[in-house]
Amino acid sequence: MVHPFHLAFPIDDLEQTKAFYMGVLGCKQGRELEGKWVDFDLFGHQMSAHLRKKSQAQLDDTGFVDGDAVPIPHFGVVLPMEEWRSLADRLKAQDGIEWLLEPKIRFEGQPGEQGTFFIKDPSGNALEFKAFASDADIFAT
């Protein structure tokens, strides 16, 4: 069993963040210090959203992976392929999702072939959701 990771990340609106992570992504809410921070269960991982003023730390920098511009920084989770497809379909059916990269298969036919997509949360944080046909491909070289 892989233990969950913990990630603390900046947000600029607690109510919008709660609506997005719980209402859109389906996360369960954990502890909260009202007006300061809130924890979410993101597919078994502990995410702590901390209220911060907007800053220049929200950069629009990108890297390139298999020909696609990807936001740097970003965070996300690796899901089983069927769960990834289900989440992608559910998000595509919703209005208001800010897509940075629509669902696609990258590295097709190569080691590490994967499904991927990127969205933004209401505070501008970039999230990536990935899936591999086989867990053995997660660290393929």
N, C-alpha and C. Protein backbone atom coordinates (compact mmCIF):
# COMPACT_ATOMS: atom_id res chain seq x y z
N MET A 1 0.84 -1.19 0.00
CA MET A 1 0.00 0.00 0.00
C MET A 1 0.88 1.24 0.00
N VAL A 2 0.54 2.18 -0.83
CA VAL A 2 1.22 3.48 -0.85
C VAL A 2 0.50 4.40 0.12
N HIS A 3 1.24 5.06 0.96
CA HIS A 3 0.63 5.99 1.91
C HIS A 3 0.28 7.29 1.19
N PRO A 4 -0.75 7.98 1.66
CA PRO A 4 -1.14 9.24 1.03
C PRO A 4 -0.07 10.30 1.20
N PHE A 5 -0.01 11.20 0.24
CA PHE A 5 0.87 12.36 0.40
C PHE A 5 0.05 13.50 0.99
N HIS A 6 0.76 14.52 1.46
CA HIS A 6 0.14 15.74 1.98
C HIS A 6 0.70 16.90 1.16
N LEU A 7 -0.19 17.80 0.76
CA LEU A 7 0.24 18.99 0.03
C LEU A 7 -0.54 20.18 0.55
N ALA A 8 0.17 21.23 0.94
CA ALA A 8 -0.45 22.51 1.31
C ALA A 8 -0.26 23.45 0.13
N PHE A 9 -1.34 24.13 -0.25
CA PHE A 9 -1.27 25.00 -1.42
C PHE A 9 -2.07 26.28 -1.17
N PRO A 10 -1.70 27.38 -1.86
CA PRO A 10 -2.36 28.66 -1.63
C PRO A 10 -3.67 28.79 -2.41
N ILE A 11 -4.63 29.44 -1.78
CA ILE A 11 -5.90 29.78 -2.43
C ILE A 11 -6.23 31.22 -2.11
N ASP A 12 -7.18 31.80 -2.86
CA ASP A 12 -7.55 33.18 -2.55
C ASP A 12 -9.03 33.33 -2.16
N ASP A 13 -9.79 32.24 -2.14
CA ASP A 13 -11.19 32.30 -1.73
C ASP A 13 -11.60 30.94 -1.17
N LEU A 14 -11.88 30.88 0.12
CA LEU A 14 -12.22 29.60 0.76
C LEU A 14 -13.52 29.01 0.24
N GLU A 15 -14.56 29.82 0.08
CA GLU A 15 -15.86 29.29 -0.34
C GLU A 15 -15.81 28.77 -1.78
N GLN A 16 -15.17 29.50 -2.68
CA GLN A 16 -15.02 29.01 -4.06
C GLN A 16 -14.21 27.72 -4.08
N THR A 17 -13.17 27.66 -3.26
CA THR A 17 -12.31 26.48 -3.20
C THR A 17 -13.10 25.28 -2.70
N LYS A 18 -13.89 25.46 -1.64
CA LYS A 18 -14.70 24.36 -1.13
C LYS A 18 -15.72 23.91 -2.17
N ALA A 19 -16.35 24.84 -2.85
CA ALA A 19 -17.33 24.48 -3.88
C ALA A 19 -16.67 23.68 -5.00
N PHE A 20 -15.46 24.06 -5.40
CA PHE A 20 -14.76 23.37 -6.48
C PHE A 20 -14.30 21.98 -6.04
N TYR A 21 -13.56 21.90 -4.95
CA TYR A 21 -12.98 20.62 -4.55
C TYR A 21 -14.05 19.62 -4.10
N MET A 22 -15.09 20.09 -3.42
CA MET A 22 -16.14 19.17 -2.98
C MET A 22 -17.21 18.99 -4.06
N GLY A 23 -17.70 20.09 -4.61
CA GLY A 23 -18.80 20.02 -5.57
C GLY A 23 -18.40 19.54 -6.94
N VAL A 24 -17.25 19.96 -7.43
CA VAL A 24 -16.81 19.60 -8.78
C VAL A 24 -15.99 18.31 -8.78
N LEU A 25 -14.98 18.24 -7.92
CA LEU A 25 -14.11 17.06 -7.90
C LEU A 25 -14.62 15.94 -7.00
N GLY A 26 -15.58 16.24 -6.12
CA GLY A 26 -16.14 15.21 -5.27
C GLY A 26 -15.31 14.87 -4.04
N CYS A 27 -14.44 15.77 -3.62
CA CYS A 27 -13.61 15.54 -2.43
C CYS A 27 -14.45 15.64 -1.16
N LYS A 28 -14.05 14.90 -0.14
CA LYS A 28 -14.63 15.07 1.18
C LYS A 28 -13.83 16.13 1.91
N GLN A 29 -14.54 16.93 2.73
CA GLN A 29 -13.86 17.95 3.52
C GLN A 29 -13.36 17.34 4.81
N GLY A 30 -12.15 17.74 5.20
CA GLY A 30 -11.60 17.36 6.48
C GLY A 30 -11.70 18.53 7.45
N ARG A 31 -10.65 18.67 8.25
CA ARG A 31 -10.63 19.76 9.23
C ARG A 31 -10.59 21.11 8.54
N GLU A 32 -11.05 22.13 9.30
CA GLU A 32 -11.04 23.50 8.78
C GLU A 32 -10.84 24.46 9.93
N LEU A 33 -10.00 25.45 9.72
CA LEU A 33 -9.90 26.58 10.63
C LEU A 33 -10.58 27.72 9.89
N GLU A 34 -11.79 28.03 10.31
CA GLU A 34 -12.62 28.97 9.56
C GLU A 34 -11.86 30.27 9.24
N GLY A 35 -11.91 30.63 7.99
CA GLY A 35 -11.26 31.84 7.53
C GLY A 35 -9.77 31.71 7.29
N LYS A 36 -9.20 30.52 7.50
CA LYS A 36 -7.75 30.34 7.37
C LYS A 36 -7.36 29.22 6.41
N TRP A 37 -7.89 27.99 6.65
CA TRP A 37 -7.51 26.85 5.82
C TRP A 37 -8.56 25.76 5.91
N VAL A 38 -8.51 24.84 4.94
CA VAL A 38 -9.41 23.70 4.92
C VAL A 38 -8.68 22.51 4.30
N ASP A 39 -8.92 21.31 4.86
CA ASP A 39 -8.34 20.07 4.32
C ASP A 39 -9.36 19.36 3.44
N PHE A 40 -8.87 18.70 2.40
CA PHE A 40 -9.70 17.88 1.53
C PHE A 40 -9.06 16.51 1.35
N ASP A 41 -9.89 15.52 1.12
CA ASP A 41 -9.46 14.18 0.76
C ASP A 41 -9.55 14.11 -0.77
N LEU A 42 -8.41 14.23 -1.45
CA LEU A 42 -8.35 14.16 -2.90
C LEU A 42 -7.88 12.76 -3.29
N PHE A 43 -8.83 11.88 -3.55
CA PHE A 43 -8.53 10.51 -3.93
C PHE A 43 -7.58 9.84 -2.93
N GLY A 44 -7.84 10.08 -1.63
CA GLY A 44 -7.06 9.46 -0.58
C GLY A 44 -5.84 10.24 -0.13
N HIS A 45 -5.62 11.42 -0.69
CA HIS A 45 -4.46 12.24 -0.32
C HIS A 45 -4.93 13.49 0.42
N GLN A 46 -4.13 13.94 1.38
CA GLN A 46 -4.50 15.09 2.20
C GLN A 46 -4.04 16.39 1.55
N MET A 47 -5.00 17.18 1.14
CA MET A 47 -4.72 18.47 0.52
C MET A 47 -5.17 19.56 1.48
N SER A 48 -4.28 20.50 1.79
CA SER A 48 -4.59 21.60 2.70
C SER A 48 -4.56 22.91 1.93
N ALA A 49 -5.73 23.51 1.79
CA ALA A 49 -5.87 24.77 1.06
C ALA A 49 -5.77 25.92 2.06
N HIS A 50 -4.75 26.75 1.90
CA HIS A 50 -4.48 27.85 2.83
C HIS A 50 -4.77 29.18 2.16
N LEU A 51 -5.60 29.99 2.81
CA LEU A 51 -5.97 31.29 2.28
C LEU A 51 -4.77 32.23 2.28
N ARG A 52 -4.47 32.79 1.13
CA ARG A 52 -3.38 33.75 0.96
C ARG A 52 -3.85 34.85 0.02
N LYS A 53 -3.28 36.03 0.18
CA LYS A 53 -3.57 37.10 -0.76
C LYS A 53 -2.98 36.74 -2.12
N LYS A 54 -3.62 37.22 -3.17
CA LYS A 54 -3.07 36.97 -4.50
C LYS A 54 -1.66 37.55 -4.56
N SER A 55 -0.79 36.83 -5.20
CA SER A 55 0.59 37.29 -5.27
C SER A 55 1.17 36.99 -6.64
N GLN A 56 2.36 37.43 -6.83
CA GLN A 56 3.03 37.17 -8.10
C GLN A 56 3.56 35.74 -8.16
N ALA A 57 3.33 34.97 -7.10
CA ALA A 57 3.77 33.58 -7.11
C ALA A 57 2.98 32.73 -8.09
N GLN A 58 1.81 33.23 -8.54
CA GLN A 58 1.01 32.51 -9.51
C GLN A 58 1.57 32.80 -10.90
N LEU A 59 2.59 32.07 -11.28
CA LEU A 59 3.26 32.31 -12.55
C LEU A 59 2.58 31.54 -13.66
N ASP A 60 2.64 32.08 -14.85
CA ASP A 60 2.12 31.38 -16.02
C ASP A 60 3.28 30.78 -16.79
N ASP A 61 4.09 29.98 -16.11
CA ASP A 61 5.24 29.34 -16.71
C ASP A 61 4.82 27.96 -17.20
N THR A 62 5.48 27.48 -18.23
CA THR A 62 5.14 26.16 -18.75
C THR A 62 6.40 25.36 -19.05
N GLY A 63 6.22 24.07 -19.06
CA GLY A 63 7.20 23.13 -19.56
C GLY A 63 6.55 22.43 -20.74
N PHE A 64 7.28 21.56 -21.41
CA PHE A 64 6.71 20.84 -22.55
C PHE A 64 6.89 19.34 -22.34
N VAL A 65 5.79 18.60 -22.51
CA VAL A 65 5.80 17.15 -22.37
C VAL A 65 5.07 16.57 -23.58
N ASP A 66 5.77 15.77 -24.35
CA ASP A 66 5.19 15.12 -25.53
C ASP A 66 4.48 16.13 -26.43
N GLY A 67 5.09 17.30 -26.58
CA GLY A 67 4.57 18.33 -27.48
C GLY A 67 3.52 19.25 -26.89
N ASP A 68 3.10 19.02 -25.64
CA ASP A 68 2.08 19.87 -25.00
C ASP A 68 2.71 20.79 -23.97
N ALA A 69 2.24 22.05 -23.95
CA ALA A 69 2.64 22.97 -22.89
C ALA A 69 1.92 22.55 -21.61
N VAL A 70 2.68 22.37 -20.53
CA VAL A 70 2.08 22.03 -19.24
C VAL A 70 2.48 23.08 -18.21
N PRO A 71 1.54 23.45 -17.34
CA PRO A 71 1.84 24.51 -16.37
C PRO A 71 2.83 24.04 -15.31
N ILE A 72 3.72 24.93 -14.97
CA ILE A 72 4.68 24.71 -13.89
C ILE A 72 4.50 25.88 -12.92
N PRO A 73 4.18 25.65 -11.67
CA PRO A 73 4.01 24.36 -11.00
C PRO A 73 2.61 23.80 -11.24
N HIS A 74 2.46 22.52 -10.92
CA HIS A 74 1.15 21.86 -10.88
C HIS A 74 1.23 20.68 -9.92
N PHE A 75 0.07 20.17 -9.53
CA PHE A 75 0.01 18.97 -8.71
C PHE A 75 -1.17 18.14 -9.16
N GLY A 76 -1.23 16.90 -8.72
CA GLY A 76 -2.34 16.06 -9.12
C GLY A 76 -2.21 14.66 -8.58
N VAL A 77 -3.00 13.76 -9.16
CA VAL A 77 -3.01 12.37 -8.72
C VAL A 77 -3.00 11.44 -9.92
N VAL A 78 -2.52 10.22 -9.67
CA VAL A 78 -2.58 9.14 -10.65
C VAL A 78 -3.75 8.26 -10.24
N LEU A 79 -4.67 8.07 -11.16
CA LEU A 79 -5.88 7.28 -10.90
C LEU A 79 -5.86 6.00 -11.73
N PRO A 80 -6.65 5.00 -11.34
CA PRO A 80 -6.86 3.87 -12.25
C PRO A 80 -7.52 4.38 -13.53
N MET A 81 -7.23 3.74 -14.67
CA MET A 81 -7.68 4.24 -15.97
C MET A 81 -9.19 4.45 -16.03
N GLU A 82 -9.98 3.52 -15.53
CA GLU A 82 -11.45 3.68 -15.59
C GLU A 82 -11.91 4.86 -14.74
N GLU A 83 -11.30 5.06 -13.58
CA GLU A 83 -11.65 6.20 -12.74
C GLU A 83 -11.25 7.51 -13.41
N TRP A 84 -10.09 7.52 -14.10
CA TRP A 84 -9.63 8.70 -14.84
C TRP A 84 -10.63 9.03 -15.95
N ARG A 85 -11.04 8.02 -16.71
CA ARG A 85 -12.01 8.25 -17.79
C ARG A 85 -13.34 8.79 -17.24
N SER A 86 -13.79 8.21 -16.14
CA SER A 86 -15.04 8.64 -15.53
C SER A 86 -14.95 10.10 -15.06
N LEU A 87 -13.85 10.46 -14.41
CA LEU A 87 -13.67 11.85 -13.97
C LEU A 87 -13.59 12.78 -15.17
N ALA A 88 -12.84 12.42 -16.19
CA ALA A 88 -12.74 13.25 -17.40
C ALA A 88 -14.12 13.47 -18.02
N ASP A 89 -14.90 12.42 -18.15
CA ASP A 89 -16.24 12.54 -18.74
C ASP A 89 -17.14 13.43 -17.88
N ARG A 90 -17.06 13.26 -16.54
CA ARG A 90 -17.88 14.06 -15.64
C ARG A 90 -17.51 15.54 -15.73
N LEU A 91 -16.21 15.84 -15.79
CA LEU A 91 -15.78 17.23 -15.87
C LEU A 91 -16.12 17.84 -17.23
N LYS A 92 -16.00 17.07 -18.31
CA LYS A 92 -16.33 17.57 -19.64
C LYS A 92 -17.81 17.93 -19.75
N ALA A 93 -18.65 17.27 -18.97
CA ALA A 93 -20.09 17.53 -19.00
C ALA A 93 -20.48 18.75 -18.18
N GLN A 94 -19.54 19.32 -17.43
CA GLN A 94 -19.84 20.47 -16.58
C GLN A 94 -19.43 21.77 -17.26
N ASP A 95 -20.21 22.80 -17.00
CA ASP A 95 -19.84 24.15 -17.45
C ASP A 95 -18.88 24.75 -16.44
N GLY A 96 -18.04 25.65 -16.90
CA GLY A 96 -17.19 26.42 -16.01
C GLY A 96 -15.86 25.78 -15.66
N ILE A 97 -15.55 24.61 -16.21
CA ILE A 97 -14.24 24.00 -15.95
C ILE A 97 -13.21 24.73 -16.82
N GLU A 98 -12.13 25.18 -16.20
CA GLU A 98 -11.07 25.84 -16.96
C GLU A 98 -10.03 24.78 -17.35
N TRP A 99 -10.12 24.35 -18.60
CA TRP A 99 -9.22 23.33 -19.12
C TRP A 99 -7.91 23.95 -19.56
N LEU A 100 -6.81 23.39 -19.10
CA LEU A 100 -5.50 23.78 -19.60
C LEU A 100 -5.04 22.79 -20.66
N LEU A 101 -5.45 21.53 -20.51
CA LEU A 101 -5.19 20.49 -21.51
C LEU A 101 -6.33 19.49 -21.39
N GLU A 102 -7.09 19.33 -22.45
CA GLU A 102 -8.22 18.39 -22.45
C GLU A 102 -7.70 16.96 -22.37
N PRO A 103 -8.56 16.04 -21.92
CA PRO A 103 -8.13 14.65 -21.79
C PRO A 103 -7.55 14.08 -23.08
N LYS A 104 -6.41 13.42 -22.94
CA LYS A 104 -5.73 12.83 -24.08
C LYS A 104 -4.82 11.70 -23.61
N ILE A 105 -4.38 10.90 -24.56
CA ILE A 105 -3.38 9.87 -24.30
C ILE A 105 -2.05 10.40 -24.83
N ARG A 106 -1.04 10.41 -23.97
CA ARG A 106 0.30 10.85 -24.41
C ARG A 106 1.24 9.66 -24.38
N PHE A 107 2.35 9.78 -25.11
CA PHE A 107 3.35 8.73 -25.25
C PHE A 107 2.72 7.44 -25.80
N GLU A 108 1.75 7.61 -26.71
CA GLU A 108 1.03 6.45 -27.25
C GLU A 108 1.98 5.42 -27.83
N GLY A 109 1.78 4.17 -27.42
CA GLY A 109 2.58 3.06 -27.91
C GLY A 109 3.99 3.00 -27.35
N GLN A 110 4.31 3.86 -26.38
CA GLN A 110 5.65 3.92 -25.79
C GLN A 110 5.57 3.52 -24.32
N PRO A 111 6.72 3.18 -23.72
CA PRO A 111 6.71 2.97 -22.27
C PRO A 111 6.20 4.23 -21.57
N GLY A 112 5.36 4.06 -20.59
CA GLY A 112 4.82 5.22 -19.88
C GLY A 112 3.60 5.83 -20.54
N GLU A 113 3.00 5.14 -21.53
CA GLU A 113 1.77 5.66 -22.14
C GLU A 113 0.78 5.99 -21.04
N GLN A 114 0.13 7.15 -21.17
CA GLN A 114 -0.72 7.62 -20.08
C GLN A 114 -1.85 8.50 -20.58
N GLY A 115 -2.95 8.45 -19.85
CA GLY A 115 -4.01 9.44 -20.03
C GLY A 115 -3.69 10.62 -19.14
N THR A 116 -3.96 11.83 -19.61
CA THR A 116 -3.68 13.02 -18.83
C THR A 116 -4.66 14.12 -19.17
N PHE A 117 -4.91 14.98 -18.21
CA PHE A 117 -5.57 16.27 -18.47
C PHE A 117 -5.23 17.22 -17.34
N PHE A 118 -5.33 18.51 -17.66
CA PHE A 118 -5.04 19.58 -16.71
C PHE A 118 -6.24 20.51 -16.61
N ILE A 119 -6.58 20.91 -15.39
CA ILE A 119 -7.59 21.93 -15.15
C ILE A 119 -7.05 22.91 -14.12
N LYS A 120 -7.74 24.04 -13.98
CA LYS A 120 -7.40 25.02 -12.95
C LYS A 120 -8.49 25.05 -11.90
N ASP A 121 -8.08 25.23 -10.64
CA ASP A 121 -9.06 25.46 -9.58
C ASP A 121 -9.39 26.95 -9.55
N PRO A 122 -10.37 27.37 -8.73
CA PRO A 122 -10.77 28.79 -8.74
C PRO A 122 -9.67 29.77 -8.34
N SER A 123 -8.62 29.31 -7.66
CA SER A 123 -7.51 30.19 -7.27
C SER A 123 -6.38 30.19 -8.29
N GLY A 124 -6.56 29.45 -9.39
CA GLY A 124 -5.55 29.43 -10.45
C GLY A 124 -4.53 28.33 -10.30
N ASN A 125 -4.67 27.43 -9.32
CA ASN A 125 -3.75 26.31 -9.18
C ASN A 125 -4.02 25.30 -10.29
N ALA A 126 -2.95 24.83 -10.92
CA ALA A 126 -3.08 23.83 -11.99
C ALA A 126 -3.05 22.43 -11.39
N LEU A 127 -4.01 21.60 -11.81
CA LEU A 127 -4.11 20.21 -11.35
C LEU A 127 -4.00 19.29 -12.55
N GLU A 128 -3.22 18.22 -12.40
CA GLU A 128 -3.12 17.20 -13.44
C GLU A 128 -3.69 15.90 -12.91
N PHE A 129 -4.48 15.25 -13.73
CA PHE A 129 -5.01 13.93 -13.43
C PHE A 129 -4.47 12.98 -14.48
N LYS A 130 -3.83 11.89 -14.03
CA LYS A 130 -3.17 10.93 -14.92
C LYS A 130 -3.72 9.54 -14.67
N ALA A 131 -3.50 8.67 -15.67
CA ALA A 131 -3.81 7.25 -15.52
C ALA A 131 -2.90 6.47 -16.46
N PHE A 132 -2.53 5.28 -16.02
CA PHE A 132 -1.69 4.39 -16.81
C PHE A 132 -2.44 3.08 -17.00
N ALA A 133 -2.22 2.44 -18.13
CA ALA A 133 -2.83 1.12 -18.37
C ALA A 133 -2.33 0.14 -17.33
N SER A 134 -1.07 0.30 -16.89
CA SER A 134 -0.46 -0.57 -15.89
C SER A 134 0.32 0.29 -14.90
N ASP A 135 0.18 -0.01 -13.61
CA ASP A 135 0.95 0.72 -12.60
C ASP A 135 2.46 0.58 -12.83
N ALA A 136 2.87 -0.47 -13.48
CA ALA A 136 4.31 -0.69 -13.78
C ALA A 136 4.85 0.40 -14.69
N ASP A 137 3.98 1.10 -15.42
CA ASP A 137 4.41 2.15 -16.35
C ASP A 137 4.56 3.52 -15.69
N ILE A 138 4.16 3.65 -14.42
CA ILE A 138 4.20 4.96 -13.77
C ILE A 138 5.61 5.54 -13.78
N PHE A 139 6.62 4.72 -13.55
CA PHE A 139 8.00 5.20 -13.52
C PHE A 139 8.81 4.67 -14.71
N ALA A 140 8.13 4.40 -15.83
CA ALA A 140 8.81 3.88 -17.02
C ALA A 140 9.86 4.87 -17.52
N THR A 141 10.93 4.33 -18.08
CA THR A 141 11.98 5.18 -18.63
C THR A 141 12.02 5.06 -20.13
